[in-house]
Amino acid sequence: MKKRNPYLTYILIIGIVLLMVFIDRIEFLKPLKNIVFLIWIPIIIWDIIERLKYRNGKRTNILRIRTNNDDYNRIFPFIFGTILIVASYFGLTKIESEKILLYSILITGILYLITGFLFVPTGIIEYKNDKLSFANGNNKHTIEIDKIDSIELKSTDIIIADKSQKKYYVNFMNLIESDYQKIAEFLKHKIGNNIKIKNVLQQRV
């Protein structure tokens, strides 16, 4: 899995801004400007609820683990949220005709700040329907438990081998020794000692 391009989000934001400028030039499309951020708001609220449930121990079938994108994911909500709040504040003091849009941007910015304070690691191990899923972004593998032979943990990779010795790689992790303990305890609690877990985490120089 390739590292997430740190400029991708900014490219998307610029694209949205250009789209809104285009919409603003066409009279019958102008109401769509408000929809852009109004759609984001429930999505972010859902994300906040899921983070709270995980942090409060209500997502017992999921274990969050470190990835190398986490530093970026940890700081981005604060940067983007602050930009939205400042921009909407000045907009509200200067512009009278775009109140719905500007308040939507303000709420979106506040919600982004909340997600920053509720940060959870982005790597996922999930137990569901007698299957284990390992994911880091779009790099995801779901394997039936009775077909897994071993799980190998490295600082940058999780390698799952099935009983035919076919290997599945979840790359670009950022695991440390404590993650091994969490993963081992999670798997033992969910599936017992049926799968061999190899701890080959290496300290980075």
C-alpha atoms as a PDB file:
ATOM      1  CA  MET A   1       0.000   0.000   0.000  1.00  0.00           C
ATOM      2  CA  LYS A   2       1.332   3.409  -0.918  1.00  0.00           C
ATOM      3  CA  LYS A   3       1.509   6.181   1.594  1.00  0.00           C
ATOM      4  CA  ARG A   4      -1.408   8.546   1.343  1.00  0.00           C
ATOM      5  CA  ASN A   5      -0.468  11.623  -0.631  1.00  0.00           C
ATOM      6  CA  PRO A   6      -0.487  14.447   1.960  1.00  0.00           C
ATOM      7  CA  TYR A   7      -1.644  16.876  -0.724  1.00  0.00           C
ATOM      8  CA  LEU A   8      -4.648  14.796  -1.785  1.00  0.00           C
ATOM      9  CA  THR A   9      -7.029  16.370   0.712  1.00  0.00           C
ATOM     10  CA  TYR A  10      -5.967  19.857  -0.308  1.00  0.00           C
ATOM     11  CA  ILE A  11      -6.481  18.988  -3.965  1.00  0.00           C
ATOM     12  CA  LEU A  12      -9.996  17.795  -3.117  1.00  0.00           C
ATOM     13  CA  ILE A  13     -10.700  20.987  -1.173  1.00  0.00           C
ATOM     14  CA  ILE A  14      -9.508  23.149  -4.074  1.00  0.00           C
ATOM     15  CA  GLY A  15     -11.666  21.057  -6.390  1.00  0.00           C
ATOM     16  CA  ILE A  16     -14.713  21.645  -4.189  1.00  0.00           C
ATOM     17  CA  VAL A  17     -14.024  25.392  -4.081  1.00  0.00           C
ATOM     18  CA  LEU A  18     -13.713  25.527  -7.879  1.00  0.00           C
ATOM     19  CA  LEU A  19     -16.931  23.527  -8.199  1.00  0.00           C
ATOM     20  CA  MET A  20     -18.730  25.973  -5.923  1.00  0.00           C
ATOM     21  CA  VAL A  21     -17.407  28.922  -7.959  1.00  0.00           C
ATOM     22  CA  PHE A  22     -18.706  27.238 -11.107  1.00  0.00           C
ATOM     23  CA  ILE A  23     -22.081  26.578  -9.489  1.00  0.00           C
ATOM     24  CA  ASP A  24     -22.264  30.207  -8.363  1.00  0.00           C
ATOM     25  CA  ARG A  25     -22.097  31.362 -11.978  1.00  0.00           C
ATOM     26  CA  ILE A  26     -25.193  29.389 -12.964  1.00  0.00           C
ATOM     27  CA  GLU A  27     -28.318  30.790 -11.361  1.00  0.00           C
ATOM     28  CA  PHE A  28     -30.434  27.647 -11.091  1.00  0.00           C
ATOM     29  CA  LEU A  29     -27.510  25.696  -9.583  1.00  0.00           C
ATOM     30  CA  LYS A  30     -26.773  28.191  -6.802  1.00  0.00           C
ATOM     31  CA  PRO A  31     -28.818  26.331  -4.137  1.00  0.00           C
ATOM     32  CA  LEU A  32     -26.453  23.375  -4.573  1.00  0.00           C
ATOM     33  CA  LYS A  33     -23.701  25.353  -2.824  1.00  0.00           C
ATOM     34  CA  ASN A  34     -25.441  24.840   0.488  1.00  0.00           C
ATOM     35  CA  ILE A  35     -25.801  21.118  -0.092  1.00  0.00           C
ATOM     36  CA  VAL A  36     -22.036  20.517  -0.330  1.00  0.00           C
ATOM     37  CA  PHE A  37     -21.395  21.206   3.350  1.00  0.00           C
ATOM     38  CA  LEU A  38     -24.836  20.067   4.511  1.00  0.00           C
ATOM     39  CA  ILE A  39     -23.961  16.607   3.165  1.00  0.00           C
ATOM     40  CA  TRP A  40     -20.646  16.610   5.027  1.00  0.00           C
ATOM     41  CA  ILE A  41     -22.193  17.431   8.392  1.00  0.00           C
ATOM     42  CA  PRO A  42     -24.094  14.135   8.986  1.00  0.00           C
ATOM     43  CA  ILE A  43     -21.091  12.173   7.674  1.00  0.00           C
ATOM     44  CA  ILE A  44     -18.772  13.833  10.198  1.00  0.00           C
ATOM     45  CA  ILE A  45     -21.328  13.400  12.997  1.00  0.00           C
ATOM     46  CA  TRP A  46     -21.545   9.685  12.190  1.00  0.00           C
ATOM     47  CA  ASP A  47     -17.736   9.490  12.321  1.00  0.00           C
ATOM     48  CA  ILE A  48     -17.700  11.233  15.712  1.00  0.00           C
ATOM     49  CA  ILE A  49     -20.302   8.809  17.080  1.00  0.00           C
ATOM     50  CA  GLU A  50     -18.255   5.825  15.878  1.00  0.00           C
ATOM     51  CA  ARG A  51     -15.096   7.229  17.480  1.00  0.00           C
ATOM     52  CA  LEU A  52     -16.908   7.756  20.772  1.00  0.00           C
ATOM     53  CA  LYS A  53     -18.301   4.231  20.713  1.00  0.00           C
ATOM     54  CA  TYR A  54     -14.840   2.804  20.102  1.00  0.00           C
ATOM     55  CA  ARG A  55     -13.173   4.925  22.781  1.00  0.00           C
ATOM     56  CA  ASN A  56     -15.904   3.934  25.252  1.00  0.00           C
ATOM     57  CA  GLY A  57     -15.391   0.230  24.572  1.00  0.00           C
ATOM     58  CA  LYS A  58     -18.626  -0.330  22.657  1.00  0.00           C
ATOM     59  CA  ARG A  59     -16.944  -1.589  19.478  1.00  0.00           C
ATOM     60  CA  THR A  60     -15.574  -4.758  21.011  1.00  0.00           C
ATOM     61  CA  ASN A  61     -15.171  -6.545  17.677  1.00  0.00           C
ATOM     62  CA  ILE A  62     -12.761  -3.901  16.397  1.00  0.00           C
ATOM     63  CA  LEU A  63      -9.178  -3.126  17.356  1.00  0.00           C
ATOM     64  CA  ARG A  64      -7.577   0.072  16.098  1.00  0.00           C
ATOM     65  CA  ILE A  65      -3.838  -0.045  15.437  1.00  0.00           C
ATOM     66  CA  ARG A  66      -1.161   2.419  14.390  1.00  0.00           C
ATOM     67  CA  THR A  67      -0.315   3.282  10.785  1.00  0.00           C
ATOM     68  CA  ASN A  68       2.188   5.650   9.228  1.00  0.00           C
ATOM     69  CA  ASN A  69      -0.647   7.925   8.122  1.00  0.00           C
ATOM     70  CA  ASP A  70      -1.701   8.579  11.706  1.00  0.00           C
ATOM     71  CA  ASP A  71       0.479  11.657  12.226  1.00  0.00           C
ATOM     72  CA  TYR A  72      -1.174  13.266   9.213  1.00  0.00           C
ATOM     73  CA  ASN A  73      -4.647  12.110  10.243  1.00  0.00           C
ATOM     74  CA  ARG A  74      -4.094  13.400  13.778  1.00  0.00           C
ATOM     75  CA  ILE A  75      -3.219  16.972  12.789  1.00  0.00           C
ATOM     76  CA  PHE A  76      -5.337  17.502   9.665  1.00  0.00           C
ATOM     77  CA  PRO A  77      -8.708  17.995  11.449  1.00  0.00           C
ATOM     78  CA  PHE A  78      -7.215  20.830  13.518  1.00  0.00           C
ATOM     79  CA  ILE A  79      -5.749  22.586  10.468  1.00  0.00           C
ATOM     80  CA  PHE A  80      -8.785  22.148   8.234  1.00  0.00           C
ATOM     81  CA  GLY A  81     -11.280  22.825  11.024  1.00  0.00           C
ATOM     82  CA  THR A  82      -9.523  26.056  11.993  1.00  0.00           C
ATOM     83  CA  ILE A  83      -9.430  27.225   8.372  1.00  0.00           C
ATOM     84  CA  LEU A  84     -13.167  26.598   7.985  1.00  0.00           C
ATOM     85  CA  ILE A  85     -14.038  28.333  11.259  1.00  0.00           C
ATOM     86  CA  VAL A  86     -11.927  31.417  10.522  1.00  0.00           C
ATOM     87  CA  ALA A  87     -13.167  31.659   6.926  1.00  0.00           C
ATOM     88  CA  SER A  88     -16.827  31.285   7.930  1.00  0.00           C
ATOM     89  CA  TYR A  89     -16.456  33.796  10.790  1.00  0.00           C
ATOM     90  CA  PHE A  90     -15.109  36.493   8.490  1.00  0.00           C
ATOM     91  CA  GLY A  91     -17.700  35.558   5.895  1.00  0.00           C
ATOM     92  CA  LEU A  92     -20.529  35.981   8.394  1.00  0.00           C
ATOM     93  CA  THR A  93     -19.280  39.454   9.323  1.00  0.00           C
ATOM     94  CA  LYS A  94     -18.962  40.577   5.706  1.00  0.00           C
ATOM     95  CA  ILE A  95     -21.555  38.696   3.659  1.00  0.00           C
ATOM     96  CA  GLU A  96     -25.291  38.852   4.251  1.00  0.00           C
ATOM     97  CA  SER A  97     -26.524  36.707   1.380  1.00  0.00           C
ATOM     98  CA  GLU A  98     -24.835  33.375   2.160  1.00  0.00           C
ATOM     99  CA  LYS A  99     -25.835  32.715   5.768  1.00  0.00           C
ATOM    100  CA  ILE A 100     -26.863  29.077   5.285  1.00  0.00           C
ATOM    101  CA  LEU A 101     -23.644  28.219   3.483  1.00  0.00           C
ATOM    102  CA  LEU A 102     -21.436  30.064   5.973  1.00  0.00           C
ATOM    103  CA  TYR A 103     -23.118  28.529   9.020  1.00  0.00           C
ATOM    104  CA  SER A 104     -22.769  25.109   7.387  1.00  0.00           C
ATOM    105  CA  ILE A 105     -19.049  25.766   6.922  1.00  0.00           C
ATOM    106  CA  LEU A 106     -18.760  26.938  10.541  1.00  0.00           C
ATOM    107  CA  ILE A 107     -20.471  23.803  11.873  1.00  0.00           C
ATOM    108  CA  THR A 108     -18.299  21.624   9.638  1.00  0.00           C
ATOM    109  CA  GLY A 109     -15.173  23.305  11.004  1.00  0.00           C
ATOM    110  CA  ILE A 110     -16.253  22.768  14.609  1.00  0.00           C
ATOM    111  CA  LEU A 111     -17.035  19.122  13.916  1.00  0.00           C
ATOM    112  CA  TYR A 112     -13.611  18.641  12.348  1.00  0.00           C
ATOM    113  CA  LEU A 113     -11.985  20.004  15.506  1.00  0.00           C
ATOM    114  CA  ILE A 114     -13.996  17.525  17.566  1.00  0.00           C
ATOM    115  CA  THR A 115     -12.771  14.631  15.406  1.00  0.00           C
ATOM    116  CA  GLY A 116      -9.230  15.835  16.051  1.00  0.00           C
ATOM    117  CA  PHE A 117      -9.724  15.591  19.810  1.00  0.00           C
ATOM    118  CA  LEU A 118     -11.288  12.141  19.370  1.00  0.00           C
ATOM    119  CA  PHE A 119      -8.459  10.728  17.270  1.00  0.00           C
ATOM    120  CA  VAL A 120      -8.238   6.947  16.945  1.00  0.00           C
ATOM    121  CA  PRO A 121      -5.590   5.009  14.982  1.00  0.00           C
ATOM    122  CA  THR A 122      -6.648   4.289  11.419  1.00  0.00           C
ATOM    123  CA  GLY A 123      -5.491   0.670  11.119  1.00  0.00           C
ATOM    124  CA  ILE A 124      -8.246  -1.852  11.844  1.00  0.00           C
ATOM    125  CA  ILE A 125      -8.516  -5.480  12.879  1.00  0.00           C
ATOM    126  CA  GLU A 126     -12.132  -6.634  12.937  1.00  0.00           C
ATOM    127  CA  TYR A 127     -13.720  -9.908  14.000  1.00  0.00           C
ATOM    128  CA  LYS A 128     -17.080 -10.601  12.362  1.00  0.00           C
ATOM    129  CA  ASN A 129     -18.974 -13.717  11.312  1.00  0.00           C
ATOM    130  CA  ASP A 130     -16.013 -16.028  12.027  1.00  0.00           C
ATOM    131  CA  LYS A 131     -13.774 -13.911   9.817  1.00  0.00           C
ATOM    132  CA  LEU A 132     -10.897 -11.572  10.532  1.00  0.00           C
ATOM    133  CA  SER A 133     -10.434  -8.379   8.558  1.00  0.00           C
ATOM    134  CA  PHE A 134      -7.191  -6.431   8.494  1.00  0.00           C
ATOM    135  CA  ALA A 135      -7.236  -2.958   6.972  1.00  0.00           C
ATOM    136  CA  ASN A 136      -5.123   0.106   6.444  1.00  0.00           C
ATOM    137  CA  GLY A 137      -7.052   2.483   4.218  1.00  0.00           C
ATOM    138  CA  ASN A 138      -7.907   0.719   0.958  1.00  0.00           C
ATOM    139  CA  ASN A 139      -5.521  -2.131   1.741  1.00  0.00           C
ATOM    140  CA  LYS A 140      -7.923  -4.665   3.267  1.00  0.00           C
ATOM    141  CA  HIS A 141      -7.997  -8.444   3.592  1.00  0.00           C
ATOM    142  CA  THR A 142     -10.821 -10.543   5.034  1.00  0.00           C
ATOM    143  CA  ILE A 143     -10.060 -14.191   5.790  1.00  0.00           C
ATOM    144  CA  GLU A 144     -12.057 -16.968   7.412  1.00  0.00           C
ATOM    145  CA  ILE A 145     -10.573 -17.817  10.792  1.00  0.00           C
ATOM    146  CA  ASP A 146     -10.313 -21.547  10.169  1.00  0.00           C
ATOM    147  CA  LYS A 147      -8.198 -20.839   7.068  1.00  0.00           C
ATOM    148  CA  ILE A 148      -5.592 -18.717   8.866  1.00  0.00           C
ATOM    149  CA  ASP A 149      -2.353 -20.461   9.789  1.00  0.00           C
ATOM    150  CA  SER A 150      -0.346 -17.597  11.283  1.00  0.00           C
ATOM    151  CA  ILE A 151      -0.134 -13.846  11.696  1.00  0.00           C
ATOM    152  CA  GLU A 152       3.248 -12.164  11.571  1.00  0.00           C
ATOM    153  CA  LEU A 153       3.661  -8.717  13.083  1.00  0.00           C
ATOM    154  CA  LYS A 154       6.405  -6.413  11.914  1.00  0.00           C
ATOM    155  CA  SER A 155       6.847  -2.746  12.637  1.00  0.00           C
ATOM    156  CA  THR A 156       5.695  -1.803   9.127  1.00  0.00           C
ATOM    157  CA  ASP A 157       3.661  -4.841   8.051  1.00  0.00           C
ATOM    158  CA  ILE A 158       1.101  -7.391   9.133  1.00  0.00           C
ATOM    159  CA  ILE A 159       1.470 -10.636   7.191  1.00  0.00           C
ATOM    160  CA  ILE A 160      -1.343 -13.174   7.323  1.00  0.00           C
ATOM    161  CA  ALA A 161      -0.571 -16.678   6.052  1.00  0.00           C
ATOM    162  CA  ASP A 162      -3.364 -19.116   5.300  1.00  0.00           C
ATOM    163  CA  LYS A 163      -3.047 -22.882   5.624  1.00  0.00           C
ATOM    164  CA  SER A 164      -1.906 -23.176   2.019  1.00  0.00           C
ATOM    165  CA  GLN A 165       0.841 -20.657   2.892  1.00  0.00           C
ATOM    166  CA  LYS A 166      -0.614 -17.950   0.702  1.00  0.00           C
ATOM    167  CA  LYS A 167       0.309 -14.628   2.279  1.00  0.00           C
ATOM    168  CA  TYR A 168      -1.702 -11.433   2.597  1.00  0.00           C
ATOM    169  CA  TYR A 169       0.128  -8.201   3.360  1.00  0.00           C
ATOM    170  CA  VAL A 170      -1.188  -5.147   5.176  1.00  0.00           C
ATOM    171  CA  ASN A 171       1.543  -2.591   4.651  1.00  0.00           C
ATOM    172  CA  PHE A 172       2.515   0.811   5.924  1.00  0.00           C
ATOM    173  CA  MET A 173       1.838   0.105   9.568  1.00  0.00           C
ATOM    174  CA  ASN A 174       3.598   1.771  12.485  1.00  0.00           C
ATOM    175  CA  LEU A 175       3.457  -0.933  15.134  1.00  0.00           C
ATOM    176  CA  ILE A 176       5.342  -0.938  18.418  1.00  0.00           C
ATOM    177  CA  GLU A 177       5.704  -3.607  21.089  1.00  0.00           C
ATOM    178  CA  SER A 178       2.560  -2.556  22.957  1.00  0.00           C
ATOM    179  CA  ASP A 179       0.551  -3.088  19.765  1.00  0.00           C
ATOM    180  CA  TYR A 180       1.659  -6.719  19.734  1.00  0.00           C
ATOM    181  CA  GLN A 181       0.232  -7.143  23.220  1.00  0.00           C
ATOM    182  CA  LYS A 182      -3.049  -5.511  22.226  1.00  0.00           C
ATOM    183  CA  ILE A 183      -3.362  -7.598  19.069  1.00  0.00           C
ATOM    184  CA  ALA A 184      -2.514 -10.835  20.895  1.00  0.00           C
ATOM    185  CA  GLU A 185      -5.044 -10.109  23.656  1.00  0.00           C
ATOM    186  CA  PHE A 186      -7.728  -9.109  21.148  1.00  0.00           C
ATOM    187  CA  LEU A 187      -7.303 -12.292  19.107  1.00  0.00           C
ATOM    188  CA  LYS A 188      -7.098 -14.512  22.176  1.00  0.00           C
ATOM    189  CA  HIS A 189     -10.318 -13.015  23.515  1.00  0.00           C
ATOM    190  CA  LYS A 190     -12.132 -13.442  20.195  1.00  0.00           C
ATOM    191  CA  ILE A 191     -10.820 -16.733  18.835  1.00  0.00           C
ATOM    192  CA  GLY A 192      -8.717 -18.328  21.569  1.00  0.00           C
ATOM    193  CA  ASN A 193      -5.226 -19.658  20.861  1.00  0.00           C
ATOM    194  CA  ASN A 194      -6.034 -21.211  17.500  1.00  0.00           C
ATOM    195  CA  ILE A 195      -3.770 -18.944  15.448  1.00  0.00           C
ATOM    196  CA  LYS A 196      -0.016 -18.646  15.807  1.00  0.00           C
ATOM    197  CA  ILE A 197       1.094 -15.036  16.214  1.00  0.00           C
ATOM    198  CA  LYS A 198       4.704 -14.234  15.388  1.00  0.00           C
ATOM    199  CA  ASN A 199       6.135 -11.145  17.022  1.00  0.00           C
ATOM    200  CA  VAL A 200       8.994  -9.863  14.889  1.00  0.00           C
ATOM    201  CA  LEU A 201       8.522  -6.181  15.586  1.00  0.00           C
ATOM    202  CA  GLN A 202      11.746  -4.332  15.083  1.00  0.00           C
ATOM    203  CA  GLN A 203      12.779  -1.066  16.618  1.00  0.00           C
ATOM    204  CA  ARG A 204      13.432   1.607  14.032  1.00  0.00           C
ATOM    205  CA  VAL A 205      16.803   3.199  13.980  1.00  0.00           C
END
